[in-house]
């Protein structure tokens, strides 16, 4: 799967695992977008035609609703919910493994918000 990473997902550890699981991640650092606002990250991913991966659920739910509400389109938003018990949060190795599941089952990502936690 090819994904654009939101700033909150931009980690060398996660990026280092992408090739081993046949993924390709575009980090904000690699495209000169580090530290920009969420709307501009969403726009960058949309222009690239790839889904965005984020832990920032509320803001990207709102951006999804806005895009669809004004008749727009996007390539998908993949969100990861944080757990109350931080020991249960998805770590990079869980994330790259889970990303293979929606892709393998042909889950439609376009114009959708997909919760990656469900694919653990």
N, C-alpha and C. Protein backbone atom coordinates (compact mmCIF):
# COMPACT_ATOMS: atom_id res chain seq x y z
N UNK A 1 0.84 -1.17 0.00
CA UNK A 1 0.00 0.00 0.00
C UNK A 1 0.89 1.24 0.00
N UNK A 2 0.46 2.23 -0.72
CA UNK A 2 1.15 3.51 -0.75
C UNK A 2 0.35 4.47 0.11
N UNK A 3 1.02 5.15 1.04
CA UNK A 3 0.35 6.10 1.94
C UNK A 3 1.19 7.35 2.12
N UNK A 4 0.49 8.44 2.35
CA UNK A 4 1.11 9.68 2.80
C UNK A 4 0.97 9.69 4.32
N UNK A 5 2.03 10.00 5.02
CA UNK A 5 1.99 10.01 6.48
C UNK A 5 1.72 11.40 7.01
N UNK A 6 0.77 11.50 7.93
CA UNK A 6 0.57 12.75 8.65
C UNK A 6 1.79 12.96 9.55
N UNK A 7 2.00 14.18 10.01
CA UNK A 7 3.15 14.46 10.89
C UNK A 7 3.20 13.52 12.09
N UNK A 8 2.04 13.16 12.64
CA UNK A 8 2.03 12.32 13.83
C UNK A 8 2.44 10.87 13.55
N UNK A 9 2.56 10.51 12.28
CA UNK A 9 2.96 9.15 11.90
C UNK A 9 4.38 9.11 11.32
N UNK A 10 4.97 10.25 11.14
CA UNK A 10 6.27 10.36 10.46
C UNK A 10 7.39 9.92 11.40
N UNK A 11 7.75 8.64 11.29
CA UNK A 11 8.83 8.12 12.13
C UNK A 11 9.75 7.25 11.29
N UNK A 12 11.04 7.35 11.57
CA UNK A 12 12.01 6.54 10.84
C UNK A 12 11.75 5.06 11.04
N UNK A 13 11.30 4.69 12.21
CA UNK A 13 11.03 3.27 12.49
C UNK A 13 9.92 2.73 11.60
N UNK A 14 8.83 3.48 11.49
CA UNK A 14 7.72 3.06 10.62
C UNK A 14 8.17 3.04 9.16
N UNK A 15 8.83 4.08 8.73
CA UNK A 15 9.29 4.16 7.35
C UNK A 15 10.27 3.04 7.03
N UNK A 16 11.09 2.66 8.00
CA UNK A 16 12.04 1.58 7.80
C UNK A 16 11.40 0.23 7.59
N UNK A 17 10.17 0.08 8.03
CA UNK A 17 9.45 -1.20 7.89
C UNK A 17 8.63 -1.29 6.61
N UNK A 18 8.49 -0.19 5.89
CA UNK A 18 7.58 -0.17 4.75
C UNK A 18 7.96 -1.14 3.64
N UNK A 19 9.21 -1.14 3.22
CA UNK A 19 9.62 -1.99 2.10
C UNK A 19 9.50 -3.47 2.42
N UNK A 20 9.76 -3.84 3.66
CA UNK A 20 9.68 -5.25 4.06
C UNK A 20 8.25 -5.79 3.95
N UNK A 21 7.28 -4.89 3.96
CA UNK A 21 5.87 -5.31 3.86
C UNK A 21 5.22 -4.83 2.56
N UNK A 22 6.04 -4.49 1.58
CA UNK A 22 5.56 -4.03 0.27
C UNK A 22 4.72 -2.76 0.34
N UNK A 23 5.06 -1.88 1.25
CA UNK A 23 4.39 -0.59 1.35
C UNK A 23 5.36 0.49 0.89
N UNK A 24 4.79 1.64 0.59
CA UNK A 24 5.61 2.81 0.30
C UNK A 24 4.99 3.99 1.04
N UNK A 25 5.76 4.60 1.90
CA UNK A 25 5.28 5.73 2.69
C UNK A 25 5.96 7.01 2.22
N UNK A 26 5.15 8.05 2.05
CA UNK A 26 5.66 9.38 1.76
C UNK A 26 5.56 10.16 3.06
N UNK A 27 6.70 10.53 3.60
CA UNK A 27 6.69 11.29 4.84
C UNK A 27 6.63 12.77 4.52
N UNK A 28 6.09 13.57 5.44
CA UNK A 28 6.09 15.02 5.22
C UNK A 28 7.51 15.56 5.00
N UNK A 29 8.48 14.94 5.66
CA UNK A 29 9.88 15.38 5.47
C UNK A 29 10.33 15.17 4.04
N UNK A 30 9.93 14.04 3.46
CA UNK A 30 10.43 13.70 2.12
C UNK A 30 9.84 14.57 1.02
N UNK A 31 8.70 15.19 1.29
CA UNK A 31 8.06 16.04 0.27
C UNK A 31 8.03 17.51 0.67
N UNK A 32 8.77 17.86 1.70
CA UNK A 32 8.88 19.26 2.11
C UNK A 32 7.67 19.83 2.81
N UNK A 33 6.91 18.96 3.49
CA UNK A 33 5.67 19.39 4.15
C UNK A 33 5.69 19.27 5.67
N UNK A 34 6.83 19.10 6.25
CA UNK A 34 6.90 18.90 7.71
C UNK A 34 6.32 20.12 8.45
N UNK A 35 5.40 19.83 9.37
CA UNK A 35 4.85 20.87 10.24
C UNK A 35 3.72 21.70 9.66
N UNK A 36 3.25 21.37 8.45
CA UNK A 36 2.13 22.14 7.90
C UNK A 36 0.83 21.70 8.56
N UNK A 37 -0.22 22.45 8.36
CA UNK A 37 -1.51 22.13 9.00
C UNK A 37 -2.12 20.88 8.36
N UNK A 38 -3.05 20.27 9.10
CA UNK A 38 -3.68 19.02 8.65
C UNK A 38 -4.38 19.16 7.31
N UNK A 39 -5.03 20.29 7.09
CA UNK A 39 -5.74 20.49 5.82
C UNK A 39 -4.77 20.43 4.65
N UNK A 40 -3.57 20.96 4.82
CA UNK A 40 -2.59 20.94 3.74
C UNK A 40 -1.98 19.54 3.56
N UNK A 41 -1.85 18.78 4.65
CA UNK A 41 -1.42 17.38 4.51
C UNK A 41 -2.49 16.60 3.73
N UNK A 42 -3.75 16.83 4.08
CA UNK A 42 -4.87 16.17 3.39
C UNK A 42 -4.86 16.53 1.91
N UNK A 43 -4.63 17.79 1.61
CA UNK A 43 -4.57 18.25 0.24
C UNK A 43 -3.39 17.61 -0.51
N UNK A 44 -2.25 17.51 0.15
CA UNK A 44 -1.07 16.89 -0.48
C UNK A 44 -1.36 15.44 -0.84
N UNK A 45 -1.93 14.69 0.10
CA UNK A 45 -2.26 13.29 -0.17
C UNK A 45 -3.28 13.17 -1.29
N UNK A 46 -4.27 14.06 -1.28
CA UNK A 46 -5.31 14.05 -2.31
C UNK A 46 -4.70 14.34 -3.68
N UNK A 47 -3.82 15.32 -3.74
CA UNK A 47 -3.17 15.64 -5.02
C UNK A 47 -2.29 14.50 -5.51
N UNK A 48 -1.68 13.77 -4.58
CA UNK A 48 -0.84 12.63 -4.94
C UNK A 48 -1.69 11.41 -5.31
N UNK A 49 -2.97 11.45 -4.93
CA UNK A 49 -3.88 10.34 -5.24
C UNK A 49 -3.68 9.14 -4.35
N UNK A 50 -3.20 9.38 -3.12
CA UNK A 50 -2.95 8.28 -2.18
C UNK A 50 -3.61 8.59 -0.84
N UNK A 51 -3.96 7.54 -0.08
CA UNK A 51 -4.57 7.77 1.23
C UNK A 51 -3.56 8.34 2.23
N UNK A 52 -4.10 9.02 3.23
CA UNK A 52 -3.27 9.55 4.31
C UNK A 52 -3.44 8.67 5.53
N UNK A 53 -2.36 8.45 6.25
CA UNK A 53 -2.36 7.63 7.47
C UNK A 53 -2.12 8.56 8.65
N UNK A 54 -3.01 8.52 9.66
CA UNK A 54 -2.93 9.46 10.77
C UNK A 54 -3.49 8.87 12.06
N UNK A 55 -3.05 9.45 13.16
CA UNK A 55 -3.66 9.17 14.47
C UNK A 55 -4.57 10.32 14.88
N UNK A 56 -4.61 11.33 14.08
CA UNK A 56 -5.37 12.54 14.36
C UNK A 56 -6.81 12.36 13.85
N UNK A 57 -7.54 11.51 14.53
CA UNK A 57 -8.84 11.04 14.06
C UNK A 57 -9.85 12.18 13.90
N UNK A 58 -10.05 12.99 14.90
CA UNK A 58 -11.09 14.02 14.85
C UNK A 58 -10.89 15.01 13.71
N UNK A 59 -9.67 15.51 13.56
CA UNK A 59 -9.42 16.50 12.51
C UNK A 59 -9.60 15.90 11.12
N UNK A 60 -9.15 14.68 10.92
CA UNK A 60 -9.27 14.09 9.59
C UNK A 60 -10.68 13.58 9.30
N UNK A 61 -11.44 13.22 10.33
CA UNK A 61 -12.87 12.95 10.13
C UNK A 61 -13.55 14.21 9.61
N UNK A 62 -13.21 15.34 10.22
CA UNK A 62 -13.81 16.62 9.81
C UNK A 62 -13.38 16.99 8.39
N UNK A 63 -12.11 16.78 8.05
CA UNK A 63 -11.65 17.08 6.69
C UNK A 63 -12.33 16.18 5.66
N UNK A 64 -12.52 14.92 6.01
CA UNK A 64 -13.25 14.00 5.14
C UNK A 64 -14.68 14.50 4.92
N UNK A 65 -15.37 14.84 6.00
CA UNK A 65 -16.75 15.33 5.90
C UNK A 65 -16.83 16.60 5.06
N UNK A 66 -15.86 17.48 5.25
CA UNK A 66 -15.83 18.71 4.47
C UNK A 66 -15.66 18.41 2.99
N UNK A 67 -14.68 17.57 2.66
CA UNK A 67 -14.41 17.25 1.25
C UNK A 67 -15.64 16.64 0.58
N UNK A 68 -16.24 15.68 1.24
CA UNK A 68 -17.42 15.02 0.67
C UNK A 68 -18.60 15.98 0.62
N UNK A 69 -18.74 16.80 1.67
CA UNK A 69 -19.85 17.74 1.75
C UNK A 69 -19.85 18.80 0.66
N UNK A 70 -18.70 19.16 0.16
CA UNK A 70 -18.62 20.15 -0.91
C UNK A 70 -18.49 19.50 -2.29
N UNK A 71 -18.71 18.19 -2.33
CA UNK A 71 -18.68 17.47 -3.60
C UNK A 71 -17.29 17.08 -4.07
N UNK A 72 -16.34 17.10 -3.16
CA UNK A 72 -14.97 16.73 -3.51
C UNK A 72 -14.71 15.25 -3.36
N UNK A 73 -13.48 14.88 -3.65
CA UNK A 73 -13.06 13.49 -3.57
C UNK A 73 -11.69 13.43 -2.92
N UNK A 74 -11.36 12.29 -2.35
CA UNK A 74 -10.02 12.06 -1.82
C UNK A 74 -9.71 10.58 -1.93
N UNK A 75 -8.46 10.25 -1.74
CA UNK A 75 -8.01 8.86 -1.93
C UNK A 75 -8.16 7.99 -0.69
N UNK A 76 -8.65 8.57 0.39
CA UNK A 76 -8.89 7.80 1.60
C UNK A 76 -8.14 8.35 2.80
N UNK A 77 -8.74 8.12 3.95
CA UNK A 77 -8.13 8.48 5.23
C UNK A 77 -8.07 7.21 6.05
N UNK A 78 -6.88 6.83 6.47
CA UNK A 78 -6.69 5.66 7.32
C UNK A 78 -6.32 6.17 8.69
N UNK A 79 -7.18 5.90 9.67
CA UNK A 79 -6.95 6.42 11.01
C UNK A 79 -6.60 5.29 11.98
N UNK A 80 -5.84 5.68 12.99
CA UNK A 80 -5.48 4.76 14.07
C UNK A 80 -5.94 5.40 15.36
N UNK A 81 -6.84 4.73 16.06
CA UNK A 81 -7.32 5.21 17.35
C UNK A 81 -6.31 4.86 18.44
N UNK A 82 -6.06 5.81 19.29
CA UNK A 82 -5.20 5.59 20.45
C UNK A 82 -6.04 4.93 21.55
N UNK A 83 -5.45 4.01 22.27
CA UNK A 83 -6.12 3.29 23.35
C UNK A 83 -5.92 4.01 24.67
N UNK A 84 -6.86 3.86 25.58
CA UNK A 84 -6.70 4.43 26.92
C UNK A 84 -5.49 3.81 27.62
N UNK A 85 -5.31 2.53 27.42
CA UNK A 85 -4.14 1.83 27.93
C UNK A 85 -3.07 1.89 26.84
N UNK A 86 -2.08 2.75 27.01
CA UNK A 86 -1.08 2.99 25.97
C UNK A 86 -0.30 1.74 25.57
N UNK A 87 -0.29 0.74 26.43
CA UNK A 87 0.39 -0.51 26.08
C UNK A 87 -0.32 -1.23 24.94
N UNK A 88 -1.59 -0.89 24.71
CA UNK A 88 -2.38 -1.52 23.65
C UNK A 88 -2.33 -0.77 22.32
N UNK A 89 -1.65 0.38 22.29
CA UNK A 89 -1.57 1.15 21.05
C UNK A 89 -0.82 0.38 19.98
N UNK A 90 -1.19 0.64 18.74
CA UNK A 90 -0.52 0.00 17.61
C UNK A 90 0.89 0.57 17.47
N UNK A 91 1.84 -0.34 17.43
CA UNK A 91 3.24 0.05 17.21
C UNK A 91 3.54 -0.07 15.71
N UNK A 92 4.67 0.47 15.27
CA UNK A 92 4.97 0.44 13.84
C UNK A 92 4.84 -0.94 13.19
N UNK A 93 5.31 -1.98 13.87
CA UNK A 93 5.22 -3.32 13.27
C UNK A 93 3.77 -3.78 13.14
N UNK A 94 2.90 -3.35 14.06
CA UNK A 94 1.47 -3.68 13.95
C UNK A 94 0.84 -2.92 12.78
N UNK A 95 1.26 -1.68 12.61
CA UNK A 95 0.69 -0.82 11.57
C UNK A 95 1.01 -1.39 10.18
N UNK A 96 2.27 -1.71 9.94
CA UNK A 96 2.63 -2.20 8.60
C UNK A 96 1.97 -3.55 8.31
N UNK A 97 1.83 -4.38 9.33
CA UNK A 97 1.15 -5.66 9.15
C UNK A 97 -0.33 -5.44 8.87
N UNK A 98 -0.96 -4.54 9.63
CA UNK A 98 -2.39 -4.28 9.47
C UNK A 98 -2.70 -3.65 8.11
N UNK A 99 -1.80 -2.85 7.57
CA UNK A 99 -2.05 -2.21 6.28
C UNK A 99 -2.17 -3.21 5.14
N UNK A 100 -1.63 -4.39 5.29
CA UNK A 100 -1.74 -5.38 4.23
C UNK A 100 -3.15 -5.96 4.15
N UNK A 101 -3.89 -5.93 5.22
CA UNK A 101 -5.21 -6.58 5.26
C UNK A 101 -6.27 -5.85 4.44
N UNK A 102 -6.46 -4.54 4.58
CA UNK A 102 -7.47 -3.90 3.72
C UNK A 102 -7.11 -4.01 2.24
N UNK A 103 -5.83 -3.94 1.96
CA UNK A 103 -5.38 -4.05 0.57
C UNK A 103 -5.66 -5.45 0.03
N UNK A 104 -5.38 -6.48 0.80
CA UNK A 104 -5.59 -7.86 0.37
C UNK A 104 -7.06 -8.19 0.17
N UNK A 105 -7.93 -7.53 0.92
CA UNK A 105 -9.37 -7.80 0.80
C UNK A 105 -10.09 -6.76 -0.05
N UNK A 106 -9.31 -5.94 -0.75
CA UNK A 106 -9.86 -4.92 -1.66
C UNK A 106 -10.85 -3.97 -0.99
N UNK A 107 -10.53 -3.56 0.23
CA UNK A 107 -11.36 -2.56 0.91
C UNK A 107 -11.26 -1.24 0.15
N UNK A 108 -12.40 -0.68 -0.18
CA UNK A 108 -12.42 0.61 -0.89
C UNK A 108 -11.96 1.71 0.05
N UNK A 109 -10.95 2.44 -0.34
CA UNK A 109 -10.44 3.54 0.47
C UNK A 109 -10.91 4.90 -0.02
N UNK A 110 -11.12 5.02 -1.32
CA UNK A 110 -11.50 6.31 -1.89
C UNK A 110 -12.73 6.88 -1.21
N UNK A 111 -12.60 8.12 -0.78
CA UNK A 111 -13.70 8.87 -0.14
C UNK A 111 -14.21 8.22 1.14
N UNK A 112 -13.36 7.43 1.80
CA UNK A 112 -13.74 6.74 3.03
C UNK A 112 -12.76 7.06 4.15
N UNK A 113 -13.23 6.87 5.37
CA UNK A 113 -12.36 6.86 6.55
C UNK A 113 -12.34 5.42 7.03
N UNK A 114 -11.15 4.83 7.07
CA UNK A 114 -10.99 3.44 7.45
C UNK A 114 -10.20 3.39 8.77
N UNK A 115 -10.72 2.66 9.73
CA UNK A 115 -10.05 2.50 11.04
C UNK A 115 -9.13 1.30 10.96
N UNK A 116 -7.83 1.56 11.01
CA UNK A 116 -6.84 0.50 10.88
C UNK A 116 -6.84 -0.45 12.07
N UNK A 117 -7.26 0.02 13.23
CA UNK A 117 -7.31 -0.83 14.43
C UNK A 117 -8.13 -2.10 14.18
N UNK A 118 -9.14 -2.02 13.33
CA UNK A 118 -9.99 -3.17 13.05
C UNK A 118 -9.27 -4.27 12.27
N UNK A 119 -8.11 -3.96 11.73
CA UNK A 119 -7.37 -4.91 10.90
C UNK A 119 -6.13 -5.46 11.58
N UNK A 120 -6.08 -5.37 12.90
CA UNK A 120 -4.93 -5.88 13.64
C UNK A 120 -4.72 -7.33 13.36
